[in-house]
């Protein structure tokens, strides 16, 4: 099995727990047509203000969110404390663009942290390096005002140094005002993305070294992601987005601790009319595939502007809850196996227990090449019912007798078990 290099932050719990909840929540829940709506539709601050003036999540119940996450089998959470629009969910002393200045009139982060801790989940804060509202943030390729004819004039006087200091001040608030924080998720850098003479932004703009130094001083064991535009060794976890790796993620030729972040649908923020919601099979297979490749899955929910998870999100979470209730031990504490799985299957492994996740149910027999003599017992994980082992040369069925002498055959029920993805637990000798 592959072993990543040691990390600065404490990733021991992270690679054990494997499954977390991402939450994208902000003013963009009101237009309800993607969290990048301000940029995509080139909305200026004056027009976007309508969402700030009407942000009133009267049904916000973080205890219900936390309960849904725990029941789904998620072990940690990452919340967008500030997304690219610049709006802050907490009572920051460095801006008025925050929840306490809206009709909500309260810090939304404090009860969130308390609720998720009460359910036993570890706490992560997402913090956007981008800020389309801050007056010192220079207009660039993603900024809503990028195509204004007076963009050069609008950029006059904007000071990235002041903005970098603003970020450090806010990160200090987040890491000192809410108890221990387990993950900080910065997002994102784009130094090569020049647009009509407007440069992109990277480590020099964010003053990433200084920002990271502050984080390490305030929270020595915290996990930091890889989006500060720093060399790979400065990051604790690498974060492929909306992409399913086919093998353990390597950076600079070496295996790393990694986590893929994904969405139930095509949007991170609440999107009323978005229709590409994933099937139950896709949801479960994404979790399995991540662990089978040595990584984690961070699955996103976008709450509504009233502060609820909509029915589509609750249905998706129930898919995880139903499956994880019976199959979680094939996920927690597991990683990529040294064994190659048969077609349409994935292996995860924890010590001498090997978990065979069957994506496509075969008829009666599943052949494991190279496994002859290596398995002591097998069972379906969801009900602990025995799966017969047919060792080569110890049976009379002609279809099995034709298999290689190193192949172990599993005799399966003809009818596929009534679970989203069946799992066979193999006890190795």
Protein backbone atom coordinates (compact mmCIF):
# COMPACT_ATOMS: atom_id res chain seq x y z
CA UNK A 1 0.00 0.00 0.00
CA UNK A 2 1.17 3.55 -0.73
CA UNK A 3 2.20 5.83 2.12
CA UNK A 4 2.20 9.61 1.58
CA UNK A 5 4.91 11.76 3.13
CA UNK A 6 4.18 13.11 6.63
CA UNK A 7 2.11 16.31 6.70
CA UNK A 8 2.43 19.47 8.79
CA UNK A 9 -1.18 19.21 9.95
CA UNK A 10 -2.81 16.25 11.66
CA UNK A 11 -4.17 14.11 8.84
CA UNK A 12 -4.33 10.84 10.82
CA UNK A 13 -8.01 11.30 11.67
CA UNK A 14 -8.71 12.62 8.18
CA UNK A 15 -7.52 9.56 6.29
CA UNK A 16 -9.42 7.36 8.73
CA UNK A 17 -12.76 9.18 8.49
CA UNK A 18 -12.74 9.47 4.67
CA UNK A 19 -16.12 11.21 4.24
CA UNK A 20 -17.10 14.83 4.85
CA UNK A 21 -19.77 17.40 4.05
CA UNK A 22 -19.04 20.59 2.11
CA UNK A 23 -21.56 23.41 2.56
CA UNK A 24 -21.76 26.40 0.18
CA UNK A 25 -24.05 29.01 1.67
CA UNK A 26 -24.17 32.74 1.14
CA UNK A 27 -26.11 35.54 -0.53
CA UNK A 28 -26.09 33.56 -3.80
CA UNK A 29 -28.76 31.29 -2.30
CA UNK A 30 -31.30 34.06 -3.01
CA UNK A 31 -30.85 34.32 -6.81
CA UNK A 32 -30.60 30.51 -6.63
CA UNK A 33 -28.80 30.13 -9.95
CA UNK A 34 -25.20 29.19 -9.06
CA UNK A 35 -22.77 30.55 -6.47
CA UNK A 36 -20.83 32.34 -9.24
CA UNK A 37 -23.93 34.28 -10.33
CA UNK A 38 -22.35 37.65 -9.54
CA UNK A 39 -19.42 36.92 -11.84
CA UNK A 40 -21.30 35.00 -14.53
CA UNK A 41 -23.93 37.69 -14.94
CA UNK A 42 -21.50 40.58 -14.32
CA UNK A 43 -23.63 42.02 -11.53
CA UNK A 44 -22.31 45.19 -9.91
CA UNK A 45 -22.39 45.79 -6.14
CA UNK A 46 -25.39 48.10 -6.26
CA UNK A 47 -27.53 45.51 -8.05
CA UNK A 48 -26.25 42.60 -5.95
CA UNK A 49 -27.18 44.55 -2.81
CA UNK A 50 -30.79 43.34 -3.14
CA UNK A 51 -29.67 39.91 -1.91
CA UNK A 52 -27.86 41.37 1.09
CA UNK A 53 -30.93 43.43 1.99
CA UNK A 54 -33.21 40.37 1.84
CA UNK A 55 -30.99 37.71 3.42
CA UNK A 56 -33.13 36.36 6.25
CA UNK A 57 -32.72 32.59 6.79
CA UNK A 58 -35.62 32.27 9.23
CA UNK A 59 -35.65 28.44 9.06
CA UNK A 60 -31.92 28.07 9.71
CA UNK A 61 -31.45 25.09 12.02
CA UNK A 62 -27.81 24.00 12.08
CA UNK A 63 -28.69 21.15 14.43
CA UNK A 64 -30.81 19.64 11.65
CA UNK A 65 -27.93 20.08 9.19
CA UNK A 66 -25.52 18.41 11.58
CA UNK A 67 -27.88 15.53 12.27
CA UNK A 68 -28.34 14.92 8.53
CA UNK A 69 -24.56 14.91 8.04
CA UNK A 70 -23.97 12.46 10.88
CA UNK A 71 -26.75 10.14 9.72
CA UNK A 72 -25.25 10.17 6.22
CA UNK A 73 -21.99 8.86 7.68
CA UNK A 74 -20.05 12.10 7.28
CA UNK A 75 -17.37 12.71 9.89
CA UNK A 76 -16.31 16.30 9.21
CA UNK A 77 -17.72 19.46 7.66
CA UNK A 78 -16.31 22.40 5.69
CA UNK A 79 -18.46 25.55 5.54
CA UNK A 80 -18.00 28.58 3.28
CA UNK A 81 -17.45 31.25 5.92
CA UNK A 82 -16.79 33.65 3.02
CA UNK A 83 -17.14 32.79 -0.65
CA UNK A 84 -15.99 34.79 -3.68
CA UNK A 85 -18.84 37.30 -3.30
CA UNK A 86 -17.12 38.50 -0.11
CA UNK A 87 -20.10 38.04 2.22
CA UNK A 88 -19.21 36.74 5.71
CA UNK A 89 -21.38 34.41 7.75
CA UNK A 90 -19.78 35.53 11.01
CA UNK A 91 -19.67 38.85 12.86
CA UNK A 92 -16.32 39.97 11.48
CA UNK A 93 -14.98 43.19 12.97
CA UNK A 94 -13.26 44.06 9.69
CA UNK A 95 -16.27 44.51 7.40
CA UNK A 96 -19.96 45.39 7.43
CA UNK A 97 -20.57 42.90 4.62
CA UNK A 98 -21.68 40.18 7.03
CA UNK A 99 -24.69 38.30 8.34
CA UNK A 100 -25.12 40.53 11.39
CA UNK A 101 -25.75 43.52 9.10
CA UNK A 102 -28.51 41.76 7.13
CA UNK A 103 -32.07 41.02 8.28
CA UNK A 104 -30.61 37.84 9.79
CA UNK A 105 -29.02 40.07 12.49
CA UNK A 106 -26.90 37.32 13.99
CA UNK A 107 -23.63 35.45 13.72
CA UNK A 108 -24.52 32.29 11.77
CA UNK A 109 -21.19 30.59 12.29
CA UNK A 110 -21.26 30.18 16.07
CA UNK A 111 -24.43 28.04 16.25
CA UNK A 112 -23.21 26.08 13.24
CA UNK A 113 -19.96 25.13 14.96
CA UNK A 114 -21.76 24.25 18.19
CA UNK A 115 -24.29 22.06 16.38
CA UNK A 116 -21.79 20.10 14.34
CA UNK A 117 -19.47 19.58 17.30
CA UNK A 118 -22.44 18.28 19.30
CA UNK A 119 -22.97 15.62 16.62
CA UNK A 120 -19.32 14.60 16.79
CA UNK A 121 -18.16 16.10 13.47
CA UNK A 122 -14.84 17.86 13.06
CA UNK A 123 -14.97 21.48 11.91
CA UNK A 124 -13.55 22.98 8.73
CA UNK A 125 -13.74 26.57 7.48
CA UNK A 126 -13.62 27.45 3.77
CA UNK A 127 -12.26 30.95 3.20
CA UNK A 128 -12.19 32.51 -0.26
CA UNK A 129 -9.00 34.23 -1.32
CA UNK A 130 -11.14 36.01 -3.91
CA UNK A 131 -13.45 38.87 -2.91
CA UNK A 132 -15.62 40.61 -5.50
CA UNK A 133 -16.99 43.07 -2.93
CA UNK A 134 -13.84 44.34 -1.21
CA UNK A 135 -12.77 47.77 -2.52
CA UNK A 136 -9.06 46.82 -2.49
CA UNK A 137 -9.46 43.61 -4.51
CA UNK A 138 -8.20 44.37 -8.07
CA UNK A 139 -10.53 43.56 -10.94
CA UNK A 140 -9.38 40.47 -12.87
CA UNK A 141 -10.61 37.65 -15.11
CA UNK A 142 -13.30 36.49 -12.67
CA UNK A 143 -14.41 39.85 -11.30
CA UNK A 144 -17.96 40.96 -12.25
CA UNK A 145 -16.63 44.30 -13.55
CA UNK A 146 -13.97 42.77 -15.82
CA UNK A 147 -15.57 43.98 -19.07
CA UNK A 148 -16.36 47.50 -18.02
CA UNK A 149 -14.77 50.05 -20.40
CA UNK A 150 -13.47 52.01 -17.39
CA UNK A 151 -11.85 48.98 -15.72
CA UNK A 152 -8.40 50.64 -15.57
CA UNK A 153 -9.87 53.64 -13.80
CA UNK A 154 -11.83 51.37 -11.44
CA UNK A 155 -8.62 49.55 -10.51
CA UNK A 156 -6.84 52.79 -9.60
CA UNK A 157 -6.23 52.95 -5.88
CA UNK A 158 -7.01 49.29 -5.20
CA UNK A 159 -4.28 47.95 -2.93
CA UNK A 160 -3.62 44.22 -2.80
CA UNK A 161 -1.40 44.69 0.25
CA UNK A 162 -4.29 46.09 2.23
CA UNK A 163 -6.50 43.27 1.01
CA UNK A 164 -3.93 40.63 2.03
CA UNK A 165 -3.81 42.19 5.51
CA UNK A 166 -7.62 42.09 5.61
CA UNK A 167 -7.56 38.36 4.85
CA UNK A 168 -5.06 37.68 7.64
CA UNK A 169 -7.18 39.65 10.08
CA UNK A 170 -10.27 37.65 9.17
CA UNK A 171 -8.45 34.31 9.30
CA UNK A 172 -7.23 35.27 12.78
CA UNK A 173 -10.86 35.84 13.81
CA UNK A 174 -11.91 32.46 12.44
CA UNK A 175 -9.08 30.55 14.10
CA UNK A 176 -9.36 32.25 17.50
CA UNK A 177 -13.09 32.90 17.94
CA UNK A 178 -14.74 29.50 17.45
CA UNK A 179 -12.70 26.93 19.31
CA UNK A 180 -10.44 24.36 17.67
CA UNK A 181 -10.72 24.28 13.87
CA UNK A 182 -9.58 21.09 12.13
CA UNK A 183 -9.41 22.23 8.47
CA UNK A 184 -8.96 25.54 6.69
CA UNK A 185 -9.84 25.40 3.02
CA UNK A 186 -8.47 28.33 1.00
CA UNK A 187 -9.82 28.87 -2.52
CA UNK A 188 -8.20 29.60 -5.02
CA UNK A 189 -5.15 30.78 -7.03
CA UNK A 190 -4.86 31.54 -10.77
CA UNK A 191 -1.54 33.31 -11.43
CA UNK A 192 -1.47 32.46 -15.14
CA UNK A 193 -5.02 33.66 -15.92
CA UNK A 194 -4.35 37.03 -17.56
CA UNK A 195 -7.41 38.67 -19.15
CA UNK A 196 -7.35 41.78 -21.35
CA UNK A 197 -4.25 42.99 -19.58
CA UNK A 198 -5.63 42.19 -16.12
CA UNK A 199 -3.23 39.78 -14.36
CA UNK A 200 -4.27 36.69 -12.46
CA UNK A 201 -3.51 36.19 -8.79
CA UNK A 202 -1.24 33.85 -6.85
CA UNK A 203 1.06 33.57 -3.87
CA UNK A 204 2.57 37.04 -4.21
CA UNK A 205 -0.90 38.62 -4.22
CA UNK A 206 -2.26 36.62 -1.28
CA UNK A 207 1.09 36.88 0.56
CA UNK A 208 0.60 33.15 0.96
CA UNK A 209 3.73 32.45 2.98
CA UNK A 210 2.73 35.00 5.60
CA UNK A 211 -0.87 33.79 5.62
CA UNK A 212 0.19 30.16 6.04
CA UNK A 213 2.64 31.10 8.79
CA UNK A 214 -0.19 32.76 10.69
CA UNK A 215 -2.39 29.68 10.29
CA UNK A 216 0.33 27.34 11.56
CA UNK A 217 0.99 29.58 14.56
CA UNK A 218 -2.67 29.85 15.55
CA UNK A 219 -3.60 26.22 14.86
CA UNK A 220 -0.51 23.97 14.64
CA UNK A 221 -2.44 20.76 13.91
CA UNK A 222 -4.86 22.21 11.36
CA UNK A 223 -5.15 20.72 7.87
CA UNK A 224 -4.47 23.20 5.04
CA UNK A 225 -5.37 22.59 1.41
CA UNK A 226 -3.22 23.17 -1.68
CA UNK A 227 -4.79 26.28 -3.23
CA UNK A 228 -2.44 29.00 -1.95
CA UNK A 229 -0.12 28.64 -4.98
CA UNK A 230 2.72 27.33 -2.81
CA UNK A 231 5.00 24.33 -3.45
CA UNK A 232 3.29 20.97 -2.87
CA UNK A 233 5.10 20.24 0.38
CA UNK A 234 3.39 23.20 2.08
CA UNK A 235 -0.06 21.61 1.69
CA UNK A 236 -1.49 18.87 3.86
CA UNK A 237 -4.20 17.76 1.44
CA UNK A 238 -4.57 18.01 -2.35
CA UNK A 239 -8.01 18.69 -3.73
CA UNK A 240 -9.12 17.53 -7.20
CA UNK A 241 -12.49 19.16 -7.88
CA UNK A 242 -15.47 17.69 -9.74
CA UNK A 243 -13.16 14.91 -10.92
CA UNK A 244 -12.87 11.26 -9.94
CA UNK A 245 -9.24 10.07 -9.87
CA UNK A 246 -8.61 6.59 -11.23
CA UNK A 247 -5.60 5.97 -9.00
CA UNK A 248 -3.90 7.39 -5.92
CA UNK A 249 -3.16 11.06 -6.57
CA UNK A 250 0.55 11.83 -7.04
CA UNK A 251 2.18 15.26 -7.01
CA UNK A 252 5.77 15.66 -8.21
CA UNK A 253 5.91 11.88 -8.56
CA UNK A 254 4.94 11.17 -4.95
CA UNK A 255 1.66 9.96 -3.39
CA UNK A 256 -0.14 12.62 -1.36
CA UNK A 257 -3.04 12.88 1.05
CA UNK A 258 -5.97 13.83 -1.15
CA UNK A 259 -9.67 14.57 -1.16
CA UNK A 260 -12.01 15.09 -4.09
CA UNK A 261 -14.78 17.67 -3.63
CA UNK A 262 -18.01 16.94 -5.47
CA UNK A 263 -21.59 18.14 -5.77
CA UNK A 264 -24.96 16.43 -5.71
CA UNK A 265 -25.77 18.39 -8.86
CA UNK A 266 -23.88 20.77 -11.13
CA UNK A 267 -23.82 23.68 -8.69
CA UNK A 268 -22.19 24.28 -5.31
CA UNK A 269 -24.63 26.90 -4.09
CA UNK A 270 -28.37 26.34 -4.04
CA UNK A 271 -29.65 26.21 -7.63
CA UNK A 272 -33.41 26.00 -7.87
CA UNK A 273 -33.60 24.96 -11.53
CA UNK A 274 -30.49 22.77 -11.87
CA UNK A 275 -31.40 19.26 -13.06
CA UNK A 276 -28.20 17.19 -13.33
CA UNK A 277 -28.58 15.55 -9.93
CA UNK A 278 -26.58 12.35 -9.53
CA UNK A 279 -28.23 8.95 -9.22
CA UNK A 280 -27.97 6.91 -6.02
CA UNK A 281 -25.50 4.59 -7.75
CA UNK A 282 -23.27 7.50 -8.77
CA UNK A 283 -23.30 8.95 -5.26
CA UNK A 284 -22.23 5.72 -3.59
CA UNK A 285 -19.76 4.75 -6.29
CA UNK A 286 -18.01 8.14 -5.98
CA UNK A 287 -17.42 7.54 -2.27
CA UNK A 288 -16.20 3.99 -2.87
CA UNK A 289 -13.97 4.98 -5.76
CA UNK A 290 -12.35 7.75 -3.71
CA UNK A 291 -11.44 5.42 -0.85
CA UNK A 292 -10.39 2.66 -3.27
CA UNK A 293 -7.84 5.13 -4.66
CA UNK A 294 -6.59 6.14 -1.22
CA UNK A 295 -8.55 9.38 -0.91
CA UNK A 296 -11.46 11.14 0.76
CA UNK A 297 -14.79 12.44 -0.56
CA UNK A 298 -16.09 15.89 0.40
CA UNK A 299 -19.70 15.98 -0.82
CA UNK A 300 -21.43 19.35 -1.09
CA UNK A 301 -24.84 20.61 -0.02
CA UNK A 302 -26.14 24.05 -1.01
CA UNK A 303 -28.77 25.22 1.53
CA UNK A 304 -31.66 27.45 0.51
CA UNK A 305 -31.91 31.13 1.38
CA UNK A 306 -34.31 30.25 4.21
CA UNK A 307 -31.62 28.04 5.71
CA UNK A 308 -32.88 24.57 4.84
CA UNK A 309 -31.62 21.59 2.88
CA UNK A 310 -34.12 21.16 0.04
CA UNK A 311 -35.84 17.83 -0.61
CA UNK A 312 -33.41 16.83 -3.37
CA UNK A 313 -30.45 17.28 -1.05
CA UNK A 314 -32.18 15.42 1.78
CA UNK A 315 -32.96 12.53 -0.60
CA UNK A 316 -29.30 12.37 -1.66
CA UNK A 317 -28.16 12.39 1.96
CA UNK A 318 -30.58 9.57 2.70
CA UNK A 319 -28.92 7.51 -0.04
CA UNK A 320 -25.68 7.79 1.91
CA UNK A 321 -27.40 7.20 5.25
CA UNK A 322 -29.07 3.98 4.09
CA UNK A 323 -25.91 2.59 2.52
CA UNK A 324 -23.45 3.69 5.21
CA UNK A 325 -25.60 2.25 7.99
CA UNK A 326 -24.74 -1.21 6.66
CA UNK A 327 -21.45 -0.66 4.84
CA UNK A 328 -19.46 1.98 6.73
CA UNK A 329 -16.74 -0.42 7.79
CA UNK A 330 -15.75 -0.75 4.13
CA UNK A 331 -15.06 3.03 4.21
CA UNK A 332 -13.81 4.13 7.64
CA UNK A 333 -10.18 3.27 8.24
CA UNK A 334 -9.90 1.81 4.74
CA UNK A 335 -7.62 2.68 1.87
CA UNK A 336 -6.42 1.48 -1.50
CA UNK A 337 -5.71 -2.26 -1.61
CA UNK A 338 -2.57 -3.90 -2.92
CA UNK A 339 -4.85 -6.30 -4.83
CA UNK A 340 -6.31 -5.59 -8.27
CA UNK A 341 -10.12 -5.95 -8.35
CA UNK A 342 -12.05 -7.87 -11.02
CA UNK A 343 -13.87 -5.87 -13.74
CA UNK A 344 -16.68 -3.55 -12.58
CA UNK A 345 -15.54 -3.78 -8.97
CA UNK A 346 -13.48 -1.79 -6.46
CA UNK A 347 -11.43 -2.95 -3.49
CA UNK A 348 -10.97 -1.11 -0.22
CA UNK A 349 -8.91 -2.64 2.56
CA UNK A 350 -8.42 -2.36 6.30
CA UNK A 351 -5.78 -4.76 7.58
CA UNK A 352 -6.78 -8.33 6.78
CA UNK A 353 -10.30 -7.37 5.79
CA UNK A 354 -10.75 -6.76 2.09
CA UNK A 355 -13.96 -5.20 0.80
CA UNK A 356 -15.13 -6.02 -2.70
CA UNK A 357 -17.63 -3.42 -3.96
CA UNK A 358 -19.57 -4.86 -6.89
CA UNK A 359 -20.68 -2.11 -9.28
CA UNK A 360 -22.18 -4.53 -11.82
CA UNK A 361 -23.75 -7.68 -10.39
CA UNK A 362 -22.69 -10.83 -12.29
CA UNK A 363 -24.55 -14.09 -12.70
CA UNK A 364 -23.64 -16.59 -9.96
CA UNK A 365 -19.85 -16.40 -10.08
CA UNK A 366 -17.21 -13.75 -9.47
CA UNK A 367 -13.62 -14.77 -10.18
CA UNK A 368 -10.72 -13.36 -8.16
CA UNK A 369 -7.46 -14.02 -9.98
CA UNK A 370 -4.51 -14.73 -7.73
CA UNK A 371 -6.66 -15.26 -4.63
CA UNK A 372 -6.57 -19.06 -4.39
CA UNK A 373 -5.75 -20.05 -0.81
CA UNK A 374 -5.73 -16.44 0.44
CA UNK A 375 -9.29 -16.03 1.77
CA UNK A 376 -10.51 -17.73 4.95
CA UNK A 377 -14.14 -16.59 4.80
CA UNK A 378 -16.45 -14.33 2.79
CA UNK A 379 -19.80 -12.72 3.46
CA UNK A 380 -22.12 -10.06 2.14
CA UNK A 381 -21.48 -7.06 4.34
CA UNK A 382 -25.04 -5.75 4.59
CA UNK A 383 -26.43 -8.90 6.27
CA UNK A 384 -23.34 -11.03 7.09
CA UNK A 385 -24.67 -13.91 4.96
CA UNK A 386 -22.03 -16.35 3.79
CA UNK A 387 -20.61 -16.32 0.30
CA UNK A 388 -19.30 -19.75 -0.70
CA UNK A 389 -15.65 -19.95 -1.74
CA UNK A 390 -14.91 -22.27 -4.66
CA UNK A 391 -11.22 -23.08 -4.60
CA UNK A 392 -9.72 -24.48 -7.82
CA UNK A 393 -9.74 -28.28 -8.04
CA UNK A 394 -12.16 -28.73 -5.13
CA UNK A 395 -15.50 -28.82 -6.96
CA UNK A 396 -17.15 -30.45 -9.93
CA UNK A 397 -18.70 -27.54 -11.83
CA UNK A 398 -17.19 -27.52 -15.31
CA UNK A 399 -17.50 -23.72 -15.62
CA UNK A 400 -15.32 -23.23 -12.56
CA UNK A 401 -12.92 -26.04 -13.38
CA UNK A 402 -11.82 -24.10 -16.45
CA UNK A 403 -10.47 -21.22 -14.37
CA UNK A 404 -6.71 -20.89 -13.64
CA UNK A 405 -5.35 -22.71 -10.60
CA UNK A 406 -4.62 -19.38 -8.89
CA UNK A 407 -8.21 -18.15 -9.17
CA UNK A 408 -10.68 -18.15 -6.30
CA UNK A 409 -14.35 -18.09 -7.32
CA UNK A 410 -17.12 -16.57 -5.24
CA UNK A 411 -20.55 -18.17 -5.59
CA UNK A 412 -23.08 -15.34 -5.53
CA UNK A 413 -26.87 -15.31 -5.18
CA UNK A 414 -28.57 -14.97 -8.55
CA UNK A 415 -30.68 -12.07 -7.32
CA UNK A 416 -28.68 -8.92 -6.64
CA UNK A 417 -28.90 -7.78 -3.00
CA UNK A 418 -31.27 -4.88 -2.45
CA UNK A 419 -28.63 -2.29 -1.63
CA UNK A 420 -27.29 0.49 -3.85
CA UNK A 421 -23.85 -1.11 -4.18
CA UNK A 422 -23.38 -4.62 -2.73
CA UNK A 423 -20.18 -5.26 -0.79
CA UNK A 424 -18.51 -8.61 -0.11
CA UNK A 425 -16.27 -8.75 2.95
CA UNK A 426 -13.28 -11.05 2.49
CA UNK A 427 -11.34 -12.21 5.54
CA UNK A 428 -7.78 -12.79 4.39
CA UNK A 429 -5.67 -15.59 5.79
